[in-house]
Amino acid sequence: MSKGLKDGEPNGRDIYPDIIDHPHWQSPVRPHMSLYDRAAQFSPFDALAGYSDMITEEQRITDEQVHLEEDELEVLNQKLSMIADELRSGRHPAFTFTVFIPDELKAGGRYETITGPVKKIDLNARKVILAGAGAEGPGNLNRVLEMDRIIEIREKSQKTP
């Protein structure tokens, strides 16, 4: 009995005598594929493309926006009035704002602390615009903060030498 044959199995030499001793055919046009590349054809693939990204996104935690009480809103309005007075006098003071940034993909968002000189306060649009030169953020562009999302305003602390 030949190697690898079990009882009742036919011998390959008996079934294919016309091709059994021929060399393996290779294409004259295409190069021979390596064993590694041949194995890669049959490797597992991601049948659920994007599923792991979806699970990761679902696990990401977001904060809910805090809604301030009337007295807290009054304090913020007083600080904004003080900043507006500074702007009218020609100064552009730097302040640190804690702002709620809504998430683009799901409910909630995150709180960010943004520091920079105030360029303008637009009461009609309810926005605070920070000047780009000192504002922290991508590209140092003017940063627009919505007043309804600001929960805290602090004067920028002076660094001591």
C-alpha atoms as a PDB file:
ATOM      1  CA  MET A   1       0.000   0.000   0.000  1.00  0.00           C
ATOM      2  CA  SER A   2       1.292   3.541  -0.842  1.00  0.00           C
ATOM      3  CA  LYS A   3       2.035   6.151   1.759  1.00  0.00           C
ATOM      4  CA  GLY A   4      -1.048   8.076   2.955  1.00  0.00           C
ATOM      5  CA  LEU A   5      -3.592   5.672   1.478  1.00  0.00           C
ATOM      6  CA  LYS A   6      -6.183   4.085   3.703  1.00  0.00           C
ATOM      7  CA  ASP A   7      -8.003   0.871   3.111  1.00  0.00           C
ATOM      8  CA  GLY A   8     -10.368   1.145   0.166  1.00  0.00           C
ATOM      9  CA  GLU A   9      -8.846   4.303  -1.319  1.00  0.00           C
ATOM     10  CA  PRO A  10      -7.589   4.038  -4.907  1.00  0.00           C
ATOM     11  CA  ASN A  11      -3.936   4.641  -5.651  1.00  0.00           C
ATOM     12  CA  GLY A  12      -3.266   7.923  -7.499  1.00  0.00           C
ATOM     13  CA  ARG A  13      -0.703   6.220  -9.758  1.00  0.00           C
ATOM     14  CA  ASP A  14      -3.419   3.864 -10.957  1.00  0.00           C
ATOM     15  CA  ILE A  15      -5.979   6.594 -11.616  1.00  0.00           C
ATOM     16  CA  TYR A  16      -3.700   9.264 -13.220  1.00  0.00           C
ATOM     17  CA  PRO A  17      -0.833   7.397 -14.912  1.00  0.00           C
ATOM     18  CA  ASP A  18      -0.743   9.859 -17.849  1.00  0.00           C
ATOM     19  CA  ILE A  19      -0.031  12.991 -15.728  1.00  0.00           C
ATOM     20  CA  ILE A  20       1.440  11.707 -12.491  1.00  0.00           C
ATOM     21  CA  ASP A  21       5.117  12.055 -13.493  1.00  0.00           C
ATOM     22  CA  HIS A  22       4.880  15.380 -15.402  1.00  0.00           C
ATOM     23  CA  PRO A  23       6.510  18.456 -13.884  1.00  0.00           C
ATOM     24  CA  HIS A  24       4.255  21.072 -12.275  1.00  0.00           C
ATOM     25  CA  TRP A  25       3.086  23.596 -14.866  1.00  0.00           C
ATOM     26  CA  GLN A  26       4.105  27.246 -14.378  1.00  0.00           C
ATOM     27  CA  SER A  27       2.942  30.255 -16.362  1.00  0.00           C
ATOM     28  CA  PRO A  28       5.572  31.747 -18.653  1.00  0.00           C
ATOM     29  CA  VAL A  29       3.960  35.191 -18.200  1.00  0.00           C
ATOM     30  CA  ARG A  30       3.334  35.438 -14.437  1.00  0.00           C
ATOM     31  CA  PRO A  31       6.021  34.890 -11.771  1.00  0.00           C
ATOM     32  CA  HIS A  32       5.717  31.959  -9.402  1.00  0.00           C
ATOM     33  CA  MET A  33       3.768  32.896  -6.271  1.00  0.00           C
ATOM     34  CA  SER A  34       5.560  32.415  -2.966  1.00  0.00           C
ATOM     35  CA  LEU A  35       4.129  30.086  -0.344  1.00  0.00           C
ATOM     36  CA  TYR A  36       3.466  33.121   1.883  1.00  0.00           C
ATOM     37  CA  ASP A  37       1.377  34.833  -0.823  1.00  0.00           C
ATOM     38  CA  ARG A  38      -0.478  31.628  -1.590  1.00  0.00           C
ATOM     39  CA  ALA A  39      -1.329  31.172   2.081  1.00  0.00           C
ATOM     40  CA  ALA A  40      -2.531  34.785   2.293  1.00  0.00           C
ATOM     41  CA  GLN A  41      -5.216  34.041  -0.275  1.00  0.00           C
ATOM     42  CA  PHE A  42      -6.860  31.693   2.176  1.00  0.00           C
ATOM     43  CA  SER A  43      -6.269  33.653   5.389  1.00  0.00           C
ATOM     44  CA  PRO A  44      -9.272  34.812   7.385  1.00  0.00           C
ATOM     45  CA  PHE A  45     -10.822  38.085   6.299  1.00  0.00           C
ATOM     46  CA  ASP A  46     -12.905  40.686   8.113  1.00  0.00           C
ATOM     47  CA  ALA A  47     -16.399  39.528   7.254  1.00  0.00           C
ATOM     48  CA  LEU A  48     -17.927  42.250   9.413  1.00  0.00           C
ATOM     49  CA  ALA A  49     -15.974  45.235   8.108  1.00  0.00           C
ATOM     50  CA  GLY A  50     -16.433  48.242  10.383  1.00  0.00           C
ATOM     51  CA  TYR A  51     -17.986  46.235  13.225  1.00  0.00           C
ATOM     52  CA  SER A  52     -15.019  46.718  15.566  1.00  0.00           C
ATOM     53  CA  ASP A  53     -15.037  50.469  14.820  1.00  0.00           C
ATOM     54  CA  MET A  54     -18.742  50.585  15.626  1.00  0.00           C
ATOM     55  CA  ILE A  55     -18.183  48.777  18.945  1.00  0.00           C
ATOM     56  CA  THR A  56     -15.327  51.149  19.830  1.00  0.00           C
ATOM     57  CA  GLU A  57     -17.507  54.174  19.046  1.00  0.00           C
ATOM     58  CA  GLU A  58     -20.362  52.776  21.142  1.00  0.00           C
ATOM     59  CA  GLN A  59     -18.021  52.298  24.124  1.00  0.00           C
ATOM     60  CA  ARG A  60     -16.744  55.880  23.930  1.00  0.00           C
ATOM     61  CA  ILE A  61     -18.123  57.855  26.841  1.00  0.00           C
ATOM     62  CA  THR A  62     -19.542  61.345  26.412  1.00  0.00           C
ATOM     63  CA  ASP A  63     -20.581  63.891  29.037  1.00  0.00           C
ATOM     64  CA  GLU A  64     -24.000  65.458  29.316  1.00  0.00           C
ATOM     65  CA  GLN A  65     -24.260  69.220  29.164  1.00  0.00           C
ATOM     66  CA  VAL A  66     -24.685  70.865  32.557  1.00  0.00           C
ATOM     67  CA  HIS A  67     -27.527  73.383  32.765  1.00  0.00           C
ATOM     68  CA  LEU A  68     -26.640  76.247  35.090  1.00  0.00           C
ATOM     69  CA  GLU A  69     -28.931  77.673  37.759  1.00  0.00           C
ATOM     70  CA  GLU A  70     -30.220  81.261  37.551  1.00  0.00           C
ATOM     71  CA  ASP A  71     -27.632  82.662  39.972  1.00  0.00           C
ATOM     72  CA  GLU A  72     -24.779  80.951  38.089  1.00  0.00           C
ATOM     73  CA  LEU A  73     -26.085  82.387  34.809  1.00  0.00           C
ATOM     74  CA  GLU A  74     -26.202  85.831  36.409  1.00  0.00           C
ATOM     75  CA  VAL A  75     -22.528  85.542  37.422  1.00  0.00           C
ATOM     76  CA  LEU A  76     -21.575  84.545  33.859  1.00  0.00           C
ATOM     77  CA  ASN A  77     -23.573  87.472  32.446  1.00  0.00           C
ATOM     78  CA  GLN A  78     -21.779  89.864  34.806  1.00  0.00           C
ATOM     79  CA  LYS A  79     -18.408  88.516  33.675  1.00  0.00           C
ATOM     80  CA  LEU A  80     -19.423  88.855  30.014  1.00  0.00           C
ATOM     81  CA  SER A  81     -20.502  92.472  30.689  1.00  0.00           C
ATOM     82  CA  MET A  82     -17.137  93.151  32.305  1.00  0.00           C
ATOM     83  CA  ILE A  83     -15.363  91.688  29.249  1.00  0.00           C
ATOM     84  CA  ALA A  84     -17.560  93.810  26.936  1.00  0.00           C
ATOM     85  CA  ASP A  85     -16.544  96.938  28.910  1.00  0.00           C
ATOM     86  CA  GLU A  86     -12.869  96.000  28.457  1.00  0.00           C
ATOM     87  CA  LEU A  87     -13.410  95.568  24.709  1.00  0.00           C
ATOM     88  CA  ARG A  88     -15.126  98.970  24.421  1.00  0.00           C
ATOM     89  CA  SER A  89     -12.082 100.560  26.089  1.00  0.00           C
ATOM     90  CA  GLY A  90      -9.838  99.055  23.380  1.00  0.00           C
ATOM     91  CA  ARG A  91      -8.287  96.245  25.419  1.00  0.00           C
ATOM     92  CA  HIS A  92      -8.506  92.574  24.501  1.00  0.00           C
ATOM     93  CA  PRO A  93      -8.093  90.717  27.797  1.00  0.00           C
ATOM     94  CA  ALA A  94      -7.298  87.011  27.881  1.00  0.00           C
ATOM     95  CA  PHE A  95      -9.700  84.712  29.683  1.00  0.00           C
ATOM     96  CA  THR A  96     -10.095  80.993  30.239  1.00  0.00           C
ATOM     97  CA  PHE A  97     -13.474  79.556  29.257  1.00  0.00           C
ATOM     98  CA  THR A  98     -14.853  76.135  30.127  1.00  0.00           C
ATOM     99  CA  VAL A  99     -17.138  75.211  27.235  1.00  0.00           C
ATOM    100  CA  PHE A 100     -19.318  72.231  26.327  1.00  0.00           C
ATOM    101  CA  ILE A 101     -18.406  70.876  22.877  1.00  0.00           C
ATOM    102  CA  PRO A 102     -21.198  68.655  21.450  1.00  0.00           C
ATOM    103  CA  ASP A 103     -20.169  65.304  20.011  1.00  0.00           C
ATOM    104  CA  GLU A 104     -20.599  65.013  16.256  1.00  0.00           C
ATOM    105  CA  LEU A 105     -21.484  61.308  16.294  1.00  0.00           C
ATOM    106  CA  LYS A 106     -23.658  60.688  19.340  1.00  0.00           C
ATOM    107  CA  ALA A 107     -25.581  62.334  22.167  1.00  0.00           C
ATOM    108  CA  GLY A 108     -23.566  64.315  24.680  1.00  0.00           C
ATOM    109  CA  GLY A 109     -20.122  65.785  24.252  1.00  0.00           C
ATOM    110  CA  ARG A 110     -17.086  66.901  26.244  1.00  0.00           C
ATOM    111  CA  TYR A 111     -15.931  69.899  28.231  1.00  0.00           C
ATOM    112  CA  GLU A 112     -12.935  71.844  26.996  1.00  0.00           C
ATOM    113  CA  THR A 113     -10.922  74.597  28.645  1.00  0.00           C
ATOM    114  CA  ILE A 114     -10.022  77.259  26.085  1.00  0.00           C
ATOM    115  CA  THR A 115      -7.787  80.225  26.812  1.00  0.00           C
ATOM    116  CA  GLY A 116      -7.244  83.289  24.653  1.00  0.00           C
ATOM    117  CA  PRO A 117      -7.742  87.005  24.215  1.00  0.00           C
ATOM    118  CA  VAL A 118     -11.336  88.009  23.578  1.00  0.00           C
ATOM    119  CA  LYS A 119     -11.725  89.689  20.195  1.00  0.00           C
ATOM    120  CA  LYS A 120     -15.463  90.340  20.179  1.00  0.00           C
ATOM    121  CA  ILE A 121     -18.713  89.595  21.989  1.00  0.00           C
ATOM    122  CA  ASP A 122     -21.725  89.272  19.683  1.00  0.00           C
ATOM    123  CA  LEU A 123     -24.827  89.599  21.886  1.00  0.00           C
ATOM    124  CA  ASN A 124     -27.282  89.123  19.005  1.00  0.00           C
ATOM    125  CA  ALA A 125     -25.728  85.809  17.900  1.00  0.00           C
ATOM    126  CA  ARG A 126     -24.842  84.974  21.548  1.00  0.00           C
ATOM    127  CA  LYS A 127     -21.211  84.224  20.690  1.00  0.00           C
ATOM    128  CA  VAL A 128     -17.796  85.062  22.144  1.00  0.00           C
ATOM    129  CA  ILE A 129     -14.990  85.277  19.583  1.00  0.00           C
ATOM    130  CA  LEU A 130     -11.419  84.684  20.728  1.00  0.00           C
ATOM    131  CA  ALA A 131      -8.579  86.267  18.754  1.00  0.00           C
ATOM    132  CA  GLY A 132      -6.478  83.830  16.770  1.00  0.00           C
ATOM    133  CA  ALA A 133      -3.024  85.095  17.727  1.00  0.00           C
ATOM    134  CA  GLY A 134      -3.245  83.905  21.328  1.00  0.00           C
ATOM    135  CA  ALA A 135      -6.109  81.465  21.173  1.00  0.00           C
ATOM    136  CA  GLU A 136      -5.205  77.865  21.805  1.00  0.00           C
ATOM    137  CA  GLY A 137      -6.489  75.498  19.173  1.00  0.00           C
ATOM    138  CA  PRO A 138      -5.822  74.080  15.727  1.00  0.00           C
ATOM    139  CA  GLY A 139      -4.204  76.556  13.384  1.00  0.00           C
ATOM    140  CA  ASN A 140      -4.568  79.530  15.782  1.00  0.00           C
ATOM    141  CA  LEU A 141      -7.728  80.645  13.944  1.00  0.00           C
ATOM    142  CA  ASN A 142     -10.401  82.760  15.619  1.00  0.00           C
ATOM    143  CA  ARG A 143     -12.345  80.502  17.956  1.00  0.00           C
ATOM    144  CA  VAL A 144     -16.100  81.052  18.283  1.00  0.00           C
ATOM    145  CA  LEU A 145     -17.722  80.038  21.564  1.00  0.00           C
ATOM    146  CA  GLU A 146     -21.479  79.857  21.990  1.00  0.00           C
ATOM    147  CA  MET A 147     -22.575  81.642  25.172  1.00  0.00           C
ATOM    148  CA  ASP A 148     -25.156  78.960  25.976  1.00  0.00           C
ATOM    149  CA  ARG A 149     -22.396  76.357  26.203  1.00  0.00           C
ATOM    150  CA  ILE A 150     -20.047  78.330  28.488  1.00  0.00           C
ATOM    151  CA  ILE A 151     -20.186  77.137  32.087  1.00  0.00           C
ATOM    152  CA  GLU A 152     -17.214  79.027  33.554  1.00  0.00           C
ATOM    153  CA  ILE A 153     -15.127  82.121  32.823  1.00  0.00           C
ATOM    154  CA  ARG A 154     -11.838  82.835  34.615  1.00  0.00           C
ATOM    155  CA  GLU A 155      -9.205  85.487  34.120  1.00  0.00           C
ATOM    156  CA  LYS A 156      -6.106  84.059  32.518  1.00  0.00           C
ATOM    157  CA  SER A 157      -3.596  83.538  35.309  1.00  0.00           C
ATOM    158  CA  GLN A 158      -0.379  85.511  35.021  1.00  0.00           C
ATOM    159  CA  LYS A 159       2.788  83.418  35.017  1.00  0.00           C
ATOM    160  CA  THR A 160       5.369  84.378  37.609  1.00  0.00           C
ATOM    161  CA  PRO A 161       9.045  84.288  36.594  1.00  0.00           C
END
